[in-house]
Amino acid sequence: MTGDPSRETELAARALAWTRRAQQLFCDQIEPWEYGIVYRMSRYPSHFDFNIVRVRDDPGMSVEALIGFADVALAGLDHRRIDFDSAQVAEPLRAEFHARGFKSTRLVWMHFEGPRPGGAEIPVKEVAHDAVEQLRGAWHEEDFPGRDDSEYQANAREVRLALGTRSLAVYEGSRPVAFAALDLGEDEIEIGGLYVLPEYRGHGRGTALTKAAITAAGEVEYLWICADDEDRPKQLYARLGFRPVLTTTEFLRLP
């Protein structure tokens, strides 16, 4: 904590706005509702990051009522996605969402406040977007095993290219085995994806990528990274100078 409540509030609000930046840029249907916003992107109906019900405040609704609202708001889509701006509000609902077939993810958004790192011991280089597309697919398969999400992946690729996302990679011989992405804004950047193939984890590649991404971001005013709040990578990011400022929760049910 910085000890400055106004700074804490500002960072949380900035992080929250950043989490919805892509939806604001790309969605062609943005409809406020009493407790948040419904985002839809008619061009990419299977892209579940752009077709969501956002819950901004505590709606005081049951899980059944929330799913019923999402069924109407996201009618015609195969998936259901409900995002809570506050993990604290979402937490008491997780067990019932799970029982109804939803996967939940608590995400901690972290702001970089440490010293700039020195050079990485493992070589990292910037590469073309498609050079690490197989790694993106491997990551998706790890999260959603056995699914044919080729349409989702193609849609996501178009979005990343439109956003000008930069890619960094670690190679083993001629093969990329780890990558990180830099999602660019005007005065802020997110290290928006960091993945290491399972057989290459635990040997410093994630640390090297994070350091290289911080350096590549330059002297941007706001540098973000997002991690699963219930997994280990957030500890690495904390050691490298990132501090938690916001925790959100996503609920996703796929067909």
C-alpha atoms as a PDB file:
ATOM      1  CA  MET A   1       0.000   0.000   0.000  1.00  0.00           C
ATOM      2  CA  THR A   2       1.180   3.507  -0.722  1.00  0.00           C
ATOM      3  CA  GLY A   3      -0.486   4.944   2.381  1.00  0.00           C
ATOM      4  CA  ASP A   4      -2.291   7.513   0.190  1.00  0.00           C
ATOM      5  CA  PRO A   5      -5.996   6.567  -0.046  1.00  0.00           C
ATOM      6  CA  SER A   6      -6.599   8.876  -2.998  1.00  0.00           C
ATOM      7  CA  ARG A   7      -3.739   7.241  -4.913  1.00  0.00           C
ATOM      8  CA  GLU A   8      -5.119   3.789  -4.110  1.00  0.00           C
ATOM      9  CA  THR A   9      -8.547   4.813  -5.383  1.00  0.00           C
ATOM     10  CA  GLU A  10      -7.056   6.331  -8.530  1.00  0.00           C
ATOM     11  CA  LEU A  11      -5.024   3.219  -9.359  1.00  0.00           C
ATOM     12  CA  ALA A  12      -7.985   0.901  -8.806  1.00  0.00           C
ATOM     13  CA  ALA A  13     -10.152   3.071 -11.058  1.00  0.00           C
ATOM     14  CA  ARG A  14      -7.447   3.214 -13.754  1.00  0.00           C
ATOM     15  CA  ALA A  15      -6.964  -0.534 -13.631  1.00  0.00           C
ATOM     16  CA  LEU A  16     -10.708  -1.121 -13.855  1.00  0.00           C
ATOM     17  CA  ALA A  17     -11.013   1.199 -16.858  1.00  0.00           C
ATOM     18  CA  TRP A  18      -8.135  -0.646 -18.516  1.00  0.00           C
ATOM     19  CA  THR A  19      -9.883  -4.008 -18.067  1.00  0.00           C
ATOM     20  CA  ARG A  20     -12.740  -2.718 -20.239  1.00  0.00           C
ATOM     21  CA  ARG A  21     -10.677  -0.766 -22.780  1.00  0.00           C
ATOM     22  CA  ALA A  22     -10.813  -3.384 -25.538  1.00  0.00           C
ATOM     23  CA  GLN A  23     -14.563  -3.885 -25.126  1.00  0.00           C
ATOM     24  CA  GLN A  24     -15.117  -0.132 -25.366  1.00  0.00           C
ATOM     25  CA  LEU A  25     -13.029  -0.007 -28.555  1.00  0.00           C
ATOM     26  CA  PHE A  26     -14.438  -3.008 -30.398  1.00  0.00           C
ATOM     27  CA  CYS A  27     -17.941  -3.843 -29.194  1.00  0.00           C
ATOM     28  CA  ASP A  28     -20.742  -2.543 -31.400  1.00  0.00           C
ATOM     29  CA  GLN A  29     -23.413  -3.048 -28.741  1.00  0.00           C
ATOM     30  CA  ILE A  30     -22.793  -1.437 -25.351  1.00  0.00           C
ATOM     31  CA  GLU A  31     -25.901  -1.320 -23.195  1.00  0.00           C
ATOM     32  CA  PRO A  32     -25.945  -0.056 -19.597  1.00  0.00           C
ATOM     33  CA  TRP A  33     -28.103  -1.963 -17.155  1.00  0.00           C
ATOM     34  CA  GLU A  34     -28.949  -1.195 -13.556  1.00  0.00           C
ATOM     35  CA  TYR A  35     -25.834  -2.816 -12.115  1.00  0.00           C
ATOM     36  CA  GLY A  36     -23.300  -2.568 -14.921  1.00  0.00           C
ATOM     37  CA  ILE A  37     -22.933  -2.877 -18.692  1.00  0.00           C
ATOM     38  CA  VAL A  38     -23.667  -5.519 -21.335  1.00  0.00           C
ATOM     39  CA  TYR A  39     -21.042  -5.754 -24.085  1.00  0.00           C
ATOM     40  CA  ARG A  40     -21.629  -7.537 -27.384  1.00  0.00           C
ATOM     41  CA  MET A  41     -19.541  -7.790 -30.532  1.00  0.00           C
ATOM     42  CA  SER A  42     -21.718  -9.009 -33.396  1.00  0.00           C
ATOM     43  CA  ARG A  43     -18.738  -9.650 -35.672  1.00  0.00           C
ATOM     44  CA  TYR A  44     -17.214 -12.194 -33.252  1.00  0.00           C
ATOM     45  CA  PRO A  45     -20.080 -13.928 -31.408  1.00  0.00           C
ATOM     46  CA  SER A  46     -17.838 -16.758 -30.131  1.00  0.00           C
ATOM     47  CA  HIS A  47     -15.228 -14.384 -28.671  1.00  0.00           C
ATOM     48  CA  PHE A  48     -16.216 -14.605 -25.018  1.00  0.00           C
ATOM     49  CA  ASP A  49     -13.930 -11.718 -23.987  1.00  0.00           C
ATOM     50  CA  PHE A  50     -16.149  -9.341 -25.995  1.00  0.00           C
ATOM     51  CA  ASN A  51     -19.615 -10.715 -25.272  1.00  0.00           C
ATOM     52  CA  ILE A  52     -20.161 -10.346 -21.549  1.00  0.00           C
ATOM     53  CA  VAL A  53     -22.388  -9.100 -18.783  1.00  0.00           C
ATOM     54  CA  ARG A  54     -20.416  -6.782 -16.541  1.00  0.00           C
ATOM     55  CA  VAL A  55     -21.534  -6.412 -12.923  1.00  0.00           C
ATOM     56  CA  ARG A  56     -20.277  -3.083 -11.615  1.00  0.00           C
ATOM     57  CA  ASP A  57     -22.052  -2.842  -8.255  1.00  0.00           C
ATOM     58  CA  ASP A  58     -23.512  -5.383  -5.858  1.00  0.00           C
ATOM     59  CA  PRO A  59     -26.810  -6.283  -7.543  1.00  0.00           C
ATOM     60  CA  GLY A  60     -28.234  -8.105  -4.550  1.00  0.00           C
ATOM     61  CA  MET A  61     -29.412 -10.789  -7.013  1.00  0.00           C
ATOM     62  CA  SER A  62     -29.322 -14.546  -6.726  1.00  0.00           C
ATOM     63  CA  VAL A  63     -27.115 -16.581  -9.027  1.00  0.00           C
ATOM     64  CA  GLU A  64     -30.254 -17.881 -10.713  1.00  0.00           C
ATOM     65  CA  ALA A  65     -31.437 -14.311 -11.387  1.00  0.00           C
ATOM     66  CA  LEU A  66     -28.021 -13.248 -12.701  1.00  0.00           C
ATOM     67  CA  ILE A  67     -27.867 -16.193 -15.084  1.00  0.00           C
ATOM     68  CA  GLY A  68     -31.422 -15.448 -16.173  1.00  0.00           C
ATOM     69  CA  PHE A  69     -30.445 -11.863 -16.962  1.00  0.00           C
ATOM     70  CA  ALA A  70     -27.378 -13.072 -18.883  1.00  0.00           C
ATOM     71  CA  ASP A  71     -29.539 -15.518 -20.847  1.00  0.00           C
ATOM     72  CA  VAL A  72     -31.564 -12.585 -22.131  1.00  0.00           C
ATOM     73  CA  ALA A  73     -28.680 -10.131 -22.552  1.00  0.00           C
ATOM     74  CA  LEU A  74     -26.485 -12.661 -24.391  1.00  0.00           C
ATOM     75  CA  ALA A  75     -29.299 -14.428 -26.236  1.00  0.00           C
ATOM     76  CA  GLY A  76     -28.163 -16.210 -29.385  1.00  0.00           C
ATOM     77  CA  LEU A  77     -24.634 -16.840 -28.110  1.00  0.00           C
ATOM     78  CA  ASP A  78     -23.312 -20.271 -27.176  1.00  0.00           C
ATOM     79  CA  HIS A  79     -21.442 -19.117 -24.061  1.00  0.00           C
ATOM     80  CA  ARG A  80     -22.330 -17.166 -20.944  1.00  0.00           C
ATOM     81  CA  ARG A  81     -19.817 -14.777 -19.378  1.00  0.00           C
ATOM     82  CA  ILE A  82     -20.491 -12.665 -16.278  1.00  0.00           C
ATOM     83  CA  ASP A  83     -17.707 -10.424 -14.948  1.00  0.00           C
ATOM     84  CA  PHE A  84     -17.677  -8.809 -11.516  1.00  0.00           C
ATOM     85  CA  ASP A  85     -15.682  -5.618 -11.005  1.00  0.00           C
ATOM     86  CA  SER A  86     -15.361  -6.607  -7.340  1.00  0.00           C
ATOM     87  CA  ALA A  87     -14.093 -10.053  -6.351  1.00  0.00           C
ATOM     88  CA  GLN A  88     -15.447  -9.366  -2.868  1.00  0.00           C
ATOM     89  CA  VAL A  89     -18.986  -9.113  -4.246  1.00  0.00           C
ATOM     90  CA  ALA A  90     -18.505 -12.218  -6.407  1.00  0.00           C
ATOM     91  CA  GLU A  91     -16.927 -14.474  -3.780  1.00  0.00           C
ATOM     92  CA  PRO A  92     -20.114 -15.594  -1.944  1.00  0.00           C
ATOM     93  CA  LEU A  93     -21.605 -16.624  -5.322  1.00  0.00           C
ATOM     94  CA  ARG A  94     -18.752 -18.764  -6.618  1.00  0.00           C
ATOM     95  CA  ALA A  95     -19.881 -22.130  -5.275  1.00  0.00           C
ATOM     96  CA  GLU A  96     -23.319 -21.849  -6.835  1.00  0.00           C
ATOM     97  CA  PHE A  97     -21.903 -20.609 -10.147  1.00  0.00           C
ATOM     98  CA  HIS A  98     -19.625 -23.672 -10.152  1.00  0.00           C
ATOM     99  CA  ALA A  99     -22.592 -25.933  -9.465  1.00  0.00           C
ATOM    100  CA  ARG A 100     -24.312 -24.447 -12.508  1.00  0.00           C
ATOM    101  CA  GLY A 101     -21.428 -25.259 -14.826  1.00  0.00           C
ATOM    102  CA  PHE A 102     -19.437 -22.018 -14.711  1.00  0.00           C
ATOM    103  CA  LYS A 103     -15.668 -21.773 -14.390  1.00  0.00           C
ATOM    104  CA  SER A 104     -14.508 -18.894 -12.194  1.00  0.00           C
ATOM    105  CA  THR A 105     -11.255 -16.981 -12.204  1.00  0.00           C
ATOM    106  CA  ARG A 106     -10.172 -14.408  -9.616  1.00  0.00           C
ATOM    107  CA  LEU A 107      -7.840 -11.949 -11.304  1.00  0.00           C
ATOM    108  CA  VAL A 108      -5.481  -9.612  -9.477  1.00  0.00           C
ATOM    109  CA  TRP A 109      -4.430  -6.497 -11.383  1.00  0.00           C
ATOM    110  CA  MET A 110      -0.995  -5.224 -10.413  1.00  0.00           C
ATOM    111  CA  HIS A 111       0.738  -1.884 -11.036  1.00  0.00           C
ATOM    112  CA  PHE A 112       4.486  -1.627 -11.566  1.00  0.00           C
ATOM    113  CA  GLU A 113       6.187   0.477  -8.893  1.00  0.00           C
ATOM    114  CA  GLY A 114       9.637  -1.075  -8.608  1.00  0.00           C
ATOM    115  CA  PRO A 115      13.038  -0.183 -10.029  1.00  0.00           C
ATOM    116  CA  ARG A 116      13.696  -1.010 -13.663  1.00  0.00           C
ATOM    117  CA  PRO A 117      15.296  -4.449 -13.893  1.00  0.00           C
ATOM    118  CA  GLY A 118      18.745  -5.186 -15.215  1.00  0.00           C
ATOM    119  CA  GLY A 119      19.375  -7.397 -18.201  1.00  0.00           C
ATOM    120  CA  ALA A 120      17.848 -10.869 -18.215  1.00  0.00           C
ATOM    121  CA  GLU A 121      20.132 -13.876 -17.932  1.00  0.00           C
ATOM    122  CA  ILE A 122      18.096 -15.723 -20.591  1.00  0.00           C
ATOM    123  CA  PRO A 123      17.912 -14.136 -24.062  1.00  0.00           C
ATOM    124  CA  VAL A 124      14.544 -12.620 -24.974  1.00  0.00           C
ATOM    125  CA  LYS A 125      13.732 -11.125 -28.348  1.00  0.00           C
ATOM    126  CA  GLU A 126      10.831  -9.282 -29.924  1.00  0.00           C
ATOM    127  CA  VAL A 127       9.146 -11.328 -32.640  1.00  0.00           C
ATOM    128  CA  ALA A 128       6.309 -11.107 -35.132  1.00  0.00           C
ATOM    129  CA  HIS A 129       2.881 -11.846 -33.733  1.00  0.00           C
ATOM    130  CA  ASP A 130       2.452 -15.147 -35.573  1.00  0.00           C
ATOM    131  CA  ALA A 131       5.832 -16.476 -34.410  1.00  0.00           C
ATOM    132  CA  VAL A 132       4.237 -17.405 -31.065  1.00  0.00           C
ATOM    133  CA  GLU A 133       0.723 -18.239 -32.248  1.00  0.00           C
ATOM    134  CA  GLN A 134       1.271 -21.926 -31.467  1.00  0.00           C
ATOM    135  CA  LEU A 135       2.145 -20.977 -27.903  1.00  0.00           C
ATOM    136  CA  ARG A 136      -1.077 -18.984 -27.623  1.00  0.00           C
ATOM    137  CA  GLY A 137      -2.916 -22.091 -28.781  1.00  0.00           C
ATOM    138  CA  ALA A 138      -1.076 -24.274 -26.251  1.00  0.00           C
ATOM    139  CA  TRP A 139      -2.038 -21.866 -23.462  1.00  0.00           C
ATOM    140  CA  HIS A 140      -5.675 -21.927 -24.530  1.00  0.00           C
ATOM    141  CA  GLU A 141      -5.622 -25.736 -24.704  1.00  0.00           C
ATOM    142  CA  GLU A 142      -4.202 -25.854 -21.183  1.00  0.00           C
ATOM    143  CA  ASP A 143      -7.088 -23.729 -19.906  1.00  0.00           C
ATOM    144  CA  PHE A 144      -9.800 -25.370 -22.045  1.00  0.00           C
ATOM    145  CA  PRO A 145      -8.595 -28.898 -22.881  1.00  0.00           C
ATOM    146  CA  GLY A 146     -10.165 -30.780 -25.749  1.00  0.00           C
ATOM    147  CA  ARG A 147     -12.102 -27.865 -27.240  1.00  0.00           C
ATOM    148  CA  ASP A 148     -11.952 -26.779 -30.874  1.00  0.00           C
ATOM    149  CA  ASP A 149     -11.655 -23.038 -30.372  1.00  0.00           C
ATOM    150  CA  SER A 150     -10.110 -22.258 -33.756  1.00  0.00           C
ATOM    151  CA  GLU A 151     -12.769 -19.625 -34.441  1.00  0.00           C
ATOM    152  CA  TYR A 152     -12.097 -17.948 -31.091  1.00  0.00           C
ATOM    153  CA  GLN A 153      -8.354 -17.990 -31.756  1.00  0.00           C
ATOM    154  CA  ALA A 154      -8.769 -16.464 -35.218  1.00  0.00           C
ATOM    155  CA  ASN A 155     -10.969 -13.708 -33.789  1.00  0.00           C
ATOM    156  CA  ALA A 156      -8.500 -13.029 -30.962  1.00  0.00           C
ATOM    157  CA  ARG A 157      -5.637 -12.787 -33.464  1.00  0.00           C
ATOM    158  CA  GLU A 158      -7.468 -10.114 -35.456  1.00  0.00           C
ATOM    159  CA  VAL A 159      -8.153  -8.117 -32.304  1.00  0.00           C
ATOM    160  CA  ARG A 160      -4.535  -8.305 -31.120  1.00  0.00           C
ATOM    161  CA  LEU A 161      -3.241  -7.206 -34.519  1.00  0.00           C
ATOM    162  CA  ALA A 162      -5.674  -4.291 -34.562  1.00  0.00           C
ATOM    163  CA  LEU A 163      -4.471  -3.241 -31.103  1.00  0.00           C
ATOM    164  CA  GLY A 164      -0.836  -3.378 -32.184  1.00  0.00           C
ATOM    165  CA  THR A 165       0.104  -5.964 -29.568  1.00  0.00           C
ATOM    166  CA  ARG A 166       3.849  -6.625 -29.394  1.00  0.00           C
ATOM    167  CA  SER A 167       5.249 -10.104 -28.730  1.00  0.00           C
ATOM    168  CA  LEU A 168       8.404 -11.214 -26.921  1.00  0.00           C
ATOM    169  CA  ALA A 169       9.742 -14.769 -26.958  1.00  0.00           C
ATOM    170  CA  VAL A 170      12.299 -17.111 -25.453  1.00  0.00           C
ATOM    171  CA  TYR A 171      13.647 -19.776 -27.799  1.00  0.00           C
ATOM    172  CA  GLU A 172      15.056 -23.230 -27.291  1.00  0.00           C
ATOM    173  CA  GLY A 173      17.053 -23.737 -30.469  1.00  0.00           C
ATOM    174  CA  SER A 174      14.738 -22.684 -33.302  1.00  0.00           C
ATOM    175  CA  ARG A 175      11.572 -23.261 -31.278  1.00  0.00           C
ATOM    176  CA  PRO A 176       9.786 -20.610 -29.182  1.00  0.00           C
ATOM    177  CA  VAL A 177       8.991 -22.094 -25.767  1.00  0.00           C
ATOM    178  CA  ALA A 178       7.732 -19.028 -23.886  1.00  0.00           C
ATOM    179  CA  PHE A 179       6.235 -15.669 -24.768  1.00  0.00           C
ATOM    180  CA  ALA A 180       4.896 -12.450 -23.355  1.00  0.00           C
ATOM    181  CA  ALA A 181       2.661  -9.830 -24.948  1.00  0.00           C
ATOM    182  CA  LEU A 182       2.553  -6.077 -24.577  1.00  0.00           C
ATOM    183  CA  ASP A 183      -0.908  -4.551 -25.032  1.00  0.00           C
ATOM    184  CA  LEU A 184      -0.492  -0.869 -25.824  1.00  0.00           C
ATOM    185  CA  GLY A 185      -2.455   2.182 -24.717  1.00  0.00           C
ATOM    186  CA  GLU A 186      -1.740   5.902 -24.929  1.00  0.00           C
ATOM    187  CA  ASP A 187      -0.138   6.284 -21.502  1.00  0.00           C
ATOM    188  CA  GLU A 188      -0.423   2.731 -20.212  1.00  0.00           C
ATOM    189  CA  ILE A 189       0.669  -0.758 -21.203  1.00  0.00           C
ATOM    190  CA  GLU A 190      -0.301  -4.195 -19.970  1.00  0.00           C
ATOM    191  CA  ILE A 191       1.974  -7.180 -19.992  1.00  0.00           C
ATOM    192  CA  GLY A 192      -1.116  -8.939 -21.254  1.00  0.00           C
ATOM    193  CA  GLY A 193       0.013 -12.504 -21.646  1.00  0.00           C
ATOM    194  CA  LEU A 194       2.930 -14.478 -20.260  1.00  0.00           C
ATOM    195  CA  TYR A 195       3.162 -18.200 -20.936  1.00  0.00           C
ATOM    196  CA  VAL A 196       5.867 -20.864 -20.656  1.00  0.00           C
ATOM    197  CA  LEU A 197       5.401 -24.393 -21.969  1.00  0.00           C
ATOM    198  CA  PRO A 198       4.991 -26.748 -18.972  1.00  0.00           C
ATOM    199  CA  GLU A 199       8.190 -28.690 -19.621  1.00  0.00           C
ATOM    200  CA  TYR A 200      10.244 -25.472 -19.583  1.00  0.00           C
ATOM    201  CA  ARG A 201       8.876 -23.951 -16.387  1.00  0.00           C
ATOM    202  CA  GLY A 202      10.905 -23.386 -13.252  1.00  0.00           C
ATOM    203  CA  HIS A 203      14.122 -22.367 -14.976  1.00  0.00           C
ATOM    204  CA  GLY A 204      13.866 -18.572 -15.075  1.00  0.00           C
ATOM    205  CA  ARG A 205      12.149 -18.068 -18.415  1.00  0.00           C
ATOM    206  CA  GLY A 206       9.106 -16.393 -16.870  1.00  0.00           C
ATOM    207  CA  THR A 207      11.349 -14.055 -14.886  1.00  0.00           C
ATOM    208  CA  ALA A 208      13.383 -13.211 -17.979  1.00  0.00           C
ATOM    209  CA  LEU A 209      10.251 -12.469 -20.001  1.00  0.00           C
ATOM    210  CA  THR A 210       8.766 -10.269 -17.296  1.00  0.00           C
ATOM    211  CA  LYS A 211      11.991  -8.272 -16.964  1.00  0.00           C
ATOM    212  CA  ALA A 212      12.254  -7.890 -20.735  1.00  0.00           C
ATOM    213  CA  ALA A 213       8.624  -6.792 -20.973  1.00  0.00           C
ATOM    214  CA  ILE A 214       9.134  -4.146 -18.277  1.00  0.00           C
ATOM    215  CA  THR A 215      12.150  -2.829 -20.167  1.00  0.00           C
ATOM    216  CA  ALA A 216      10.345  -2.917 -23.526  1.00  0.00           C
ATOM    217  CA  ALA A 217       7.432  -0.942 -22.055  1.00  0.00           C
ATOM    218  CA  GLY A 218       9.756   2.002 -21.431  1.00  0.00           C
ATOM    219  CA  GLU A 219       8.826   4.906 -19.191  1.00  0.00           C
ATOM    220  CA  VAL A 220       5.074   4.543 -19.611  1.00  0.00           C
ATOM    221  CA  GLU A 221       3.039   6.153 -16.819  1.00  0.00           C
ATOM    222  CA  TYR A 222       0.967   3.069 -15.982  1.00  0.00           C
ATOM    223  CA  LEU A 223       2.307  -0.448 -16.449  1.00  0.00           C
ATOM    224  CA  TRP A 224      -0.065  -3.302 -15.568  1.00  0.00           C
ATOM    225  CA  ILE A 225       0.126  -7.045 -15.273  1.00  0.00           C
ATOM    226  CA  CYS A 226      -2.714  -9.430 -14.474  1.00  0.00           C
ATOM    227  CA  ALA A 227      -2.439 -12.767 -12.683  1.00  0.00           C
ATOM    228  CA  ASP A 228      -4.646 -15.500 -11.352  1.00  0.00           C
ATOM    229  CA  ASP A 229      -5.114 -14.470  -7.728  1.00  0.00           C
ATOM    230  CA  GLU A 230      -5.044 -18.131  -6.689  1.00  0.00           C
ATOM    231  CA  ASP A 231      -1.880 -19.143  -8.532  1.00  0.00           C
ATOM    232  CA  ARG A 232       1.852 -18.624  -8.030  1.00  0.00           C
ATOM    233  CA  PRO A 233       2.882 -16.180 -10.815  1.00  0.00           C
ATOM    234  CA  LYS A 234       1.604 -13.186  -8.841  1.00  0.00           C
ATOM    235  CA  GLN A 235       4.414 -13.842  -6.349  1.00  0.00           C
ATOM    236  CA  LEU A 236       6.989 -13.532  -9.136  1.00  0.00           C
ATOM    237  CA  TYR A 237       5.434 -10.289 -10.322  1.00  0.00           C
ATOM    238  CA  ALA A 238       5.483  -8.915  -6.766  1.00  0.00           C
ATOM    239  CA  ARG A 239       9.209  -9.686  -6.470  1.00  0.00           C
ATOM    240  CA  LEU A 240       9.814  -7.761  -9.692  1.00  0.00           C
ATOM    241  CA  GLY A 241       8.043  -4.623  -8.491  1.00  0.00           C
ATOM    242  CA  PHE A 242       4.324  -5.057  -9.200  1.00  0.00           C
ATOM    243  CA  ARG A 243       1.762  -4.280  -6.494  1.00  0.00           C
ATOM    244  CA  PRO A 244      -1.891  -5.423  -6.354  1.00  0.00           C
ATOM    245  CA  VAL A 245      -4.418  -2.630  -6.843  1.00  0.00           C
ATOM    246  CA  LEU A 246      -7.622  -4.419  -7.926  1.00  0.00           C
ATOM    247  CA  THR A 247      -9.149  -7.898  -7.799  1.00  0.00           C
ATOM    248  CA  THR A 248     -11.979  -8.921 -10.145  1.00  0.00           C
ATOM    249  CA  THR A 249     -13.778 -12.188 -10.879  1.00  0.00           C
ATOM    250  CA  GLU A 250     -14.880 -13.755 -14.169  1.00  0.00           C
ATOM    251  CA  PHE A 251     -17.516 -16.482 -14.515  1.00  0.00           C
ATOM    252  CA  LEU A 252     -17.572 -18.358 -17.817  1.00  0.00           C
ATOM    253  CA  ARG A 253     -19.735 -21.217 -19.062  1.00  0.00           C
ATOM    254  CA  LEU A 254     -18.890 -22.700 -22.443  1.00  0.00           C
ATOM    255  CA  PRO A 255     -21.247 -24.913 -24.454  1.00  0.00           C
END
